[in-house]
Amino acid sequence: MDLGAFSVSLAVSNLKDSREFYERLGFAVVGGDADQGWLILRNGDTTLGLFHGMFDSNILTFNPGWDQAGQEPPSFTDVREIQAALKADGAALVSEVEGEAGPGSFVITDPDGNVVLFDQHR
């Protein structure tokens, strides 16, 4: 099962300070909107999302339909297929994707309570 691009979404207390910290580590802003409280940063193949006031905790994020550079691959595993496979394997979902095609997302938690978001944009 192809989960798509992987990133870590960090719940930050100060977007400006976090941006400056990660820029010192070689990350560069590649997307987002600071006025809305979020930025996407990349260093090589590593992607971080910085989110102020949007989430209670850090989140592991998979984006079906995107490669690690944020490009659309020719084919991918739809988020609904991933959800169905996880449900069939007994995973408890926190939220489920709605609709039969297009964008959608669902959330599970790992055994330690870490939030895992599957977020498809196309």
N, C-alpha and C. Protein backbone atom coordinates (compact mmCIF):
# COMPACT_ATOMS: atom_id res chain seq x y z
N MET A 1 0.85 -1.16 0.00
CA MET A 1 0.00 0.00 0.00
C MET A 1 0.90 1.23 0.00
N ASP A 2 0.70 2.11 -0.96
CA ASP A 2 1.47 3.35 -1.08
C ASP A 2 0.77 4.44 -0.29
N LEU A 3 1.42 4.94 0.75
CA LEU A 3 0.81 5.95 1.62
C LEU A 3 1.02 7.37 1.13
N GLY A 4 1.86 7.56 0.13
CA GLY A 4 2.13 8.90 -0.40
C GLY A 4 3.22 9.60 0.37
N ALA A 5 3.27 10.91 0.21
CA ALA A 5 4.29 11.73 0.86
C ALA A 5 4.13 11.67 2.37
N PHE A 6 5.25 11.74 3.09
CA PHE A 6 5.23 11.75 4.55
C PHE A 6 5.76 13.08 5.06
N SER A 7 5.12 13.60 6.09
CA SER A 7 5.60 14.79 6.76
C SER A 7 5.20 14.73 8.23
N VAL A 8 5.80 15.59 9.00
CA VAL A 8 5.43 15.76 10.39
C VAL A 8 4.78 17.12 10.52
N SER A 9 3.59 17.14 11.09
CA SER A 9 2.87 18.39 11.33
C SER A 9 3.05 18.75 12.79
N LEU A 10 3.75 19.85 13.03
CA LEU A 10 4.06 20.27 14.40
C LEU A 10 3.09 21.34 14.88
N ALA A 11 2.53 21.11 16.06
CA ALA A 11 1.72 22.12 16.73
C ALA A 11 2.69 23.06 17.44
N VAL A 12 2.81 24.29 16.95
CA VAL A 12 3.81 25.21 17.49
C VAL A 12 3.16 26.33 18.28
N SER A 13 3.89 26.83 19.27
CA SER A 13 3.35 27.91 20.10
C SER A 13 3.62 29.28 19.50
N ASN A 14 4.66 29.38 18.66
CA ASN A 14 5.00 30.65 18.03
C ASN A 14 5.51 30.35 16.62
N LEU A 15 4.72 30.68 15.62
CA LEU A 15 5.06 30.35 14.24
C LEU A 15 6.36 31.01 13.79
N LYS A 16 6.55 32.28 14.12
CA LYS A 16 7.75 33.01 13.71
C LYS A 16 9.01 32.37 14.30
N ASP A 17 8.98 32.09 15.62
CA ASP A 17 10.14 31.48 16.27
C ASP A 17 10.44 30.10 15.70
N SER A 18 9.39 29.31 15.46
CA SER A 18 9.58 27.96 14.92
C SER A 18 10.14 28.02 13.51
N ARG A 19 9.62 28.94 12.71
CA ARG A 19 10.13 29.10 11.34
C ARG A 19 11.62 29.43 11.38
N GLU A 20 12.00 30.40 12.20
CA GLU A 20 13.40 30.79 12.29
C GLU A 20 14.28 29.64 12.76
N PHE A 21 13.80 28.86 13.72
CA PHE A 21 14.56 27.72 14.22
C PHE A 21 14.82 26.71 13.10
N TYR A 22 13.77 26.33 12.38
CA TYR A 22 13.93 25.32 11.33
C TYR A 22 14.69 25.86 10.11
N GLU A 23 14.60 27.15 9.86
CA GLU A 23 15.41 27.73 8.79
C GLU A 23 16.90 27.64 9.14
N ARG A 24 17.24 27.78 10.42
CA ARG A 24 18.64 27.62 10.84
C ARG A 24 19.12 26.19 10.60
N LEU A 25 18.20 25.23 10.57
CA LEU A 25 18.55 23.83 10.29
C LEU A 25 18.56 23.53 8.80
N GLY A 26 18.34 24.55 7.98
CA GLY A 26 18.41 24.37 6.53
C GLY A 26 17.07 24.18 5.84
N PHE A 27 15.98 24.31 6.57
CA PHE A 27 14.65 24.21 5.96
C PHE A 27 14.30 25.53 5.28
N ALA A 28 13.48 25.45 4.23
CA ALA A 28 13.00 26.64 3.54
C ALA A 28 11.48 26.53 3.40
N VAL A 29 10.81 27.65 3.49
CA VAL A 29 9.35 27.67 3.32
C VAL A 29 9.02 27.37 1.87
N VAL A 30 8.12 26.41 1.66
CA VAL A 30 7.69 26.04 0.31
C VAL A 30 6.18 26.19 0.13
N GLY A 31 5.49 26.56 1.19
CA GLY A 31 4.04 26.73 1.08
C GLY A 31 3.46 27.21 2.39
N GLY A 32 2.16 27.41 2.36
CA GLY A 32 1.46 27.83 3.56
C GLY A 32 1.10 29.29 3.55
N ASP A 33 0.59 29.74 4.69
CA ASP A 33 0.16 31.13 4.85
C ASP A 33 0.36 31.52 6.31
N ALA A 34 1.40 32.27 6.57
CA ALA A 34 1.71 32.67 7.95
C ALA A 34 0.56 33.45 8.58
N ASP A 35 -0.17 34.24 7.79
CA ASP A 35 -1.30 35.00 8.32
C ASP A 35 -2.42 34.08 8.80
N GLN A 36 -2.50 32.88 8.23
CA GLN A 36 -3.50 31.90 8.66
C GLN A 36 -2.93 30.96 9.73
N GLY A 37 -1.64 31.09 10.05
CA GLY A 37 -1.04 30.31 11.12
C GLY A 37 -0.42 28.99 10.71
N TRP A 38 -0.04 28.86 9.43
CA TRP A 38 0.61 27.61 9.02
C TRP A 38 1.61 27.83 7.90
N LEU A 39 2.68 27.02 7.94
CA LEU A 39 3.72 27.05 6.92
C LEU A 39 4.18 25.62 6.64
N ILE A 40 4.59 25.37 5.42
CA ILE A 40 5.19 24.10 5.04
C ILE A 40 6.65 24.38 4.71
N LEU A 41 7.55 23.63 5.32
CA LEU A 41 8.99 23.79 5.12
C LEU A 41 9.57 22.48 4.60
N ARG A 42 10.63 22.62 3.80
CA ARG A 42 11.28 21.43 3.25
C ARG A 42 12.79 21.60 3.30
N ASN A 43 13.45 20.49 3.59
CA ASN A 43 14.90 20.38 3.52
C ASN A 43 15.16 19.05 2.84
N GLY A 44 15.57 19.08 1.58
CA GLY A 44 15.73 17.84 0.82
C GLY A 44 14.39 17.15 0.68
N ASP A 45 14.33 15.89 1.10
CA ASP A 45 13.08 15.13 1.04
C ASP A 45 12.28 15.21 2.34
N THR A 46 12.75 15.98 3.29
CA THR A 46 12.09 16.07 4.58
C THR A 46 11.14 17.27 4.60
N THR A 47 9.89 17.00 4.96
CA THR A 47 8.87 18.05 4.99
C THR A 47 8.31 18.19 6.39
N LEU A 48 8.22 19.43 6.84
CA LEU A 48 7.59 19.77 8.13
C LEU A 48 6.47 20.75 7.89
N GLY A 49 5.37 20.54 8.57
CA GLY A 49 4.31 21.54 8.61
C GLY A 49 4.34 22.19 9.98
N LEU A 50 4.31 23.50 10.02
CA LEU A 50 4.23 24.25 11.28
C LEU A 50 2.83 24.83 11.38
N PHE A 51 2.12 24.50 12.46
CA PHE A 51 0.73 24.91 12.60
C PHE A 51 0.52 25.55 13.97
N HIS A 52 0.14 26.81 13.96
CA HIS A 52 -0.11 27.53 15.21
C HIS A 52 -1.61 27.60 15.46
N GLY A 53 -2.04 27.05 16.60
CA GLY A 53 -3.44 27.14 17.00
C GLY A 53 -4.40 26.26 16.23
N MET A 54 -3.90 25.29 15.49
CA MET A 54 -4.78 24.43 14.69
C MET A 54 -4.93 23.03 15.26
N PHE A 55 -3.89 22.51 15.92
CA PHE A 55 -3.90 21.15 16.43
C PHE A 55 -3.49 21.15 17.90
N ASP A 56 -3.96 20.14 18.64
CA ASP A 56 -3.58 19.99 20.04
C ASP A 56 -2.23 19.32 20.22
N SER A 57 -1.81 18.55 19.20
CA SER A 57 -0.57 17.80 19.32
C SER A 57 0.09 17.67 17.95
N ASN A 58 1.30 17.14 17.95
CA ASN A 58 1.99 16.88 16.70
C ASN A 58 1.29 15.72 15.98
N ILE A 59 1.41 15.70 14.65
CA ILE A 59 0.70 14.70 13.85
C ILE A 59 1.65 14.15 12.79
N LEU A 60 1.64 12.84 12.62
CA LEU A 60 2.33 12.20 11.50
C LEU A 60 1.35 12.25 10.33
N THR A 61 1.80 12.76 9.19
CA THR A 61 0.89 12.97 8.06
C THR A 61 1.36 12.23 6.82
N PHE A 62 0.43 11.53 6.18
CA PHE A 62 0.66 10.90 4.89
C PHE A 62 -0.28 11.53 3.89
N ASN A 63 0.23 11.84 2.70
CA ASN A 63 -0.57 12.47 1.65
C ASN A 63 -0.63 11.58 0.42
N PRO A 64 -1.62 10.68 0.36
CA PRO A 64 -1.79 9.89 -0.86
C PRO A 64 -2.02 10.84 -2.04
N GLY A 65 -1.41 10.52 -3.17
CA GLY A 65 -1.57 11.37 -4.35
C GLY A 65 -0.49 12.41 -4.50
N TRP A 66 0.45 12.45 -3.57
CA TRP A 66 1.62 13.34 -3.66
C TRP A 66 2.87 12.52 -3.47
N ASP A 67 3.93 12.88 -4.19
CA ASP A 67 5.23 12.28 -3.89
C ASP A 67 5.92 13.18 -2.86
N GLN A 68 7.14 12.82 -2.47
CA GLN A 68 7.81 13.56 -1.40
C GLN A 68 8.12 15.01 -1.78
N ALA A 69 8.11 15.32 -3.08
CA ALA A 69 8.34 16.70 -3.53
C ALA A 69 7.03 17.47 -3.70
N GLY A 70 5.91 16.86 -3.32
CA GLY A 70 4.62 17.53 -3.43
C GLY A 70 4.06 17.50 -4.84
N GLN A 71 4.58 16.60 -5.68
CA GLN A 71 4.09 16.47 -7.05
C GLN A 71 3.11 15.30 -7.13
N GLU A 72 2.26 15.32 -8.14
CA GLU A 72 1.28 14.26 -8.33
C GLU A 72 1.90 13.12 -9.15
N PRO A 73 2.03 11.92 -8.56
CA PRO A 73 2.55 10.79 -9.32
C PRO A 73 1.48 10.29 -10.31
N PRO A 74 1.89 9.53 -11.33
CA PRO A 74 0.92 9.06 -12.31
C PRO A 74 -0.18 8.18 -11.72
N SER A 75 0.15 7.41 -10.68
CA SER A 75 -0.86 6.59 -10.01
C SER A 75 -0.58 6.59 -8.51
N PHE A 76 -1.60 6.31 -7.73
CA PHE A 76 -1.44 6.28 -6.28
C PHE A 76 -2.58 5.47 -5.66
N THR A 77 -2.40 5.08 -4.41
CA THR A 77 -3.44 4.37 -3.67
C THR A 77 -4.38 5.40 -3.05
N ASP A 78 -5.66 5.34 -3.42
CA ASP A 78 -6.65 6.28 -2.92
C ASP A 78 -6.80 6.14 -1.41
N VAL A 79 -7.05 7.25 -0.75
CA VAL A 79 -7.20 7.28 0.70
C VAL A 79 -8.30 6.33 1.18
N ARG A 80 -9.32 6.11 0.36
CA ARG A 80 -10.41 5.21 0.73
C ARG A 80 -9.95 3.75 0.74
N GLU A 81 -9.04 3.41 -0.18
CA GLU A 81 -8.47 2.06 -0.20
C GLU A 81 -7.61 1.82 1.04
N ILE A 82 -6.84 2.82 1.41
CA ILE A 82 -6.00 2.72 2.60
C ILE A 82 -6.88 2.55 3.83
N GLN A 83 -7.92 3.36 3.94
CA GLN A 83 -8.85 3.27 5.07
C GLN A 83 -9.49 1.89 5.13
N ALA A 84 -9.97 1.39 4.02
CA ALA A 84 -10.63 0.08 4.00
C ALA A 84 -9.67 -1.03 4.43
N ALA A 85 -8.42 -0.97 3.96
CA ALA A 85 -7.44 -1.98 4.34
C ALA A 85 -7.15 -1.94 5.84
N LEU A 86 -7.01 -0.75 6.39
CA LEU A 86 -6.74 -0.62 7.82
C LEU A 86 -7.94 -1.09 8.65
N LYS A 87 -9.14 -0.74 8.23
CA LYS A 87 -10.34 -1.20 8.94
C LYS A 87 -10.46 -2.71 8.88
N ALA A 88 -10.18 -3.30 7.73
CA ALA A 88 -10.25 -4.75 7.57
C ALA A 88 -9.23 -5.45 8.47
N ASP A 89 -8.14 -4.76 8.77
CA ASP A 89 -7.09 -5.30 9.63
C ASP A 89 -7.36 -5.02 11.11
N GLY A 90 -8.49 -4.39 11.41
CA GLY A 90 -8.89 -4.17 12.79
C GLY A 90 -8.49 -2.84 13.39
N ALA A 91 -7.96 -1.92 12.58
CA ALA A 91 -7.57 -0.61 13.11
C ALA A 91 -8.81 0.19 13.51
N ALA A 92 -8.72 0.85 14.64
CA ALA A 92 -9.81 1.73 15.08
C ALA A 92 -9.56 3.12 14.52
N LEU A 93 -10.53 3.64 13.80
CA LEU A 93 -10.39 4.96 13.19
C LEU A 93 -10.97 6.02 14.11
N VAL A 94 -10.29 7.15 14.21
CA VAL A 94 -10.77 8.29 14.98
C VAL A 94 -11.79 9.06 14.15
N SER A 95 -11.49 9.18 12.85
CA SER A 95 -12.42 9.79 11.90
C SER A 95 -12.29 9.05 10.58
N GLU A 96 -13.32 9.14 9.75
CA GLU A 96 -13.32 8.43 8.49
C GLU A 96 -13.51 9.38 7.32
N VAL A 97 -12.96 8.99 6.16
CA VAL A 97 -13.11 9.78 4.95
C VAL A 97 -14.55 9.67 4.47
N GLU A 98 -15.05 10.77 3.93
CA GLU A 98 -16.39 10.80 3.37
C GLU A 98 -16.30 10.92 1.86
N GLY A 99 -17.33 10.51 1.17
CA GLY A 99 -17.37 10.61 -0.28
C GLY A 99 -16.72 9.41 -0.93
N GLU A 100 -16.94 9.30 -2.22
CA GLU A 100 -16.46 8.13 -2.96
C GLU A 100 -15.26 8.43 -3.86
N ALA A 101 -14.90 9.69 -4.02
CA ALA A 101 -13.77 10.05 -4.87
C ALA A 101 -13.28 11.44 -4.49
N GLY A 102 -12.07 11.75 -4.93
CA GLY A 102 -11.53 13.09 -4.72
C GLY A 102 -10.89 13.26 -3.36
N PRO A 103 -10.73 14.51 -2.95
CA PRO A 103 -10.07 14.80 -1.68
C PRO A 103 -10.78 14.15 -0.50
N GLY A 104 -10.02 13.81 0.51
CA GLY A 104 -10.59 13.25 1.72
C GLY A 104 -9.50 12.93 2.71
N SER A 105 -9.91 12.72 3.96
CA SER A 105 -8.93 12.40 4.99
C SER A 105 -9.56 11.55 6.08
N PHE A 106 -8.70 10.84 6.80
CA PHE A 106 -9.12 10.11 7.99
C PHE A 106 -7.97 10.08 8.97
N VAL A 107 -8.29 9.74 10.22
CA VAL A 107 -7.30 9.77 11.29
C VAL A 107 -7.35 8.46 12.07
N ILE A 108 -6.17 7.96 12.42
CA ILE A 108 -6.03 6.86 13.35
C ILE A 108 -5.01 7.28 14.41
N THR A 109 -4.90 6.50 15.47
CA THR A 109 -3.84 6.73 16.45
C THR A 109 -3.04 5.45 16.58
N ASP A 110 -1.74 5.60 16.81
CA ASP A 110 -0.89 4.43 17.00
C ASP A 110 -1.03 3.95 18.45
N PRO A 111 -0.42 2.83 18.80
CA PRO A 111 -0.59 2.28 20.15
C PRO A 111 -0.18 3.22 21.28
N ASP A 112 0.64 4.22 20.97
CA ASP A 112 1.07 5.17 22.00
C ASP A 112 0.27 6.46 21.99
N GLY A 113 -0.79 6.49 21.18
CA GLY A 113 -1.65 7.67 21.14
C GLY A 113 -1.21 8.74 20.16
N ASN A 114 -0.18 8.47 19.35
CA ASN A 114 0.24 9.45 18.34
C ASN A 114 -0.79 9.50 17.22
N VAL A 115 -1.13 10.69 16.82
CA VAL A 115 -2.12 10.90 15.77
C VAL A 115 -1.47 10.70 14.41
N VAL A 116 -2.15 9.91 13.54
CA VAL A 116 -1.68 9.68 12.18
C VAL A 116 -2.81 10.11 11.24
N LEU A 117 -2.50 11.12 10.43
CA LEU A 117 -3.47 11.69 9.50
C LEU A 117 -3.14 11.23 8.08
N PHE A 118 -4.17 10.75 7.37
CA PHE A 118 -4.06 10.43 5.95
C PHE A 118 -4.89 11.49 5.24
N ASP A 119 -4.23 12.35 4.47
CA ASP A 119 -4.88 13.54 3.90
C ASP A 119 -4.62 13.63 2.41
N GLN A 120 -5.64 13.28 1.62
CA GLN A 120 -5.52 13.28 0.17
C GLN A 120 -6.12 14.56 -0.39
N HIS A 121 -5.36 15.25 -1.24
CA HIS A 121 -5.79 16.54 -1.76
C HIS A 121 -6.36 16.51 -3.17
N ARG A 122 -6.32 15.35 -3.82
CA ARG A 122 -6.86 15.31 -5.18
C ARG A 122 -7.79 14.14 -5.38
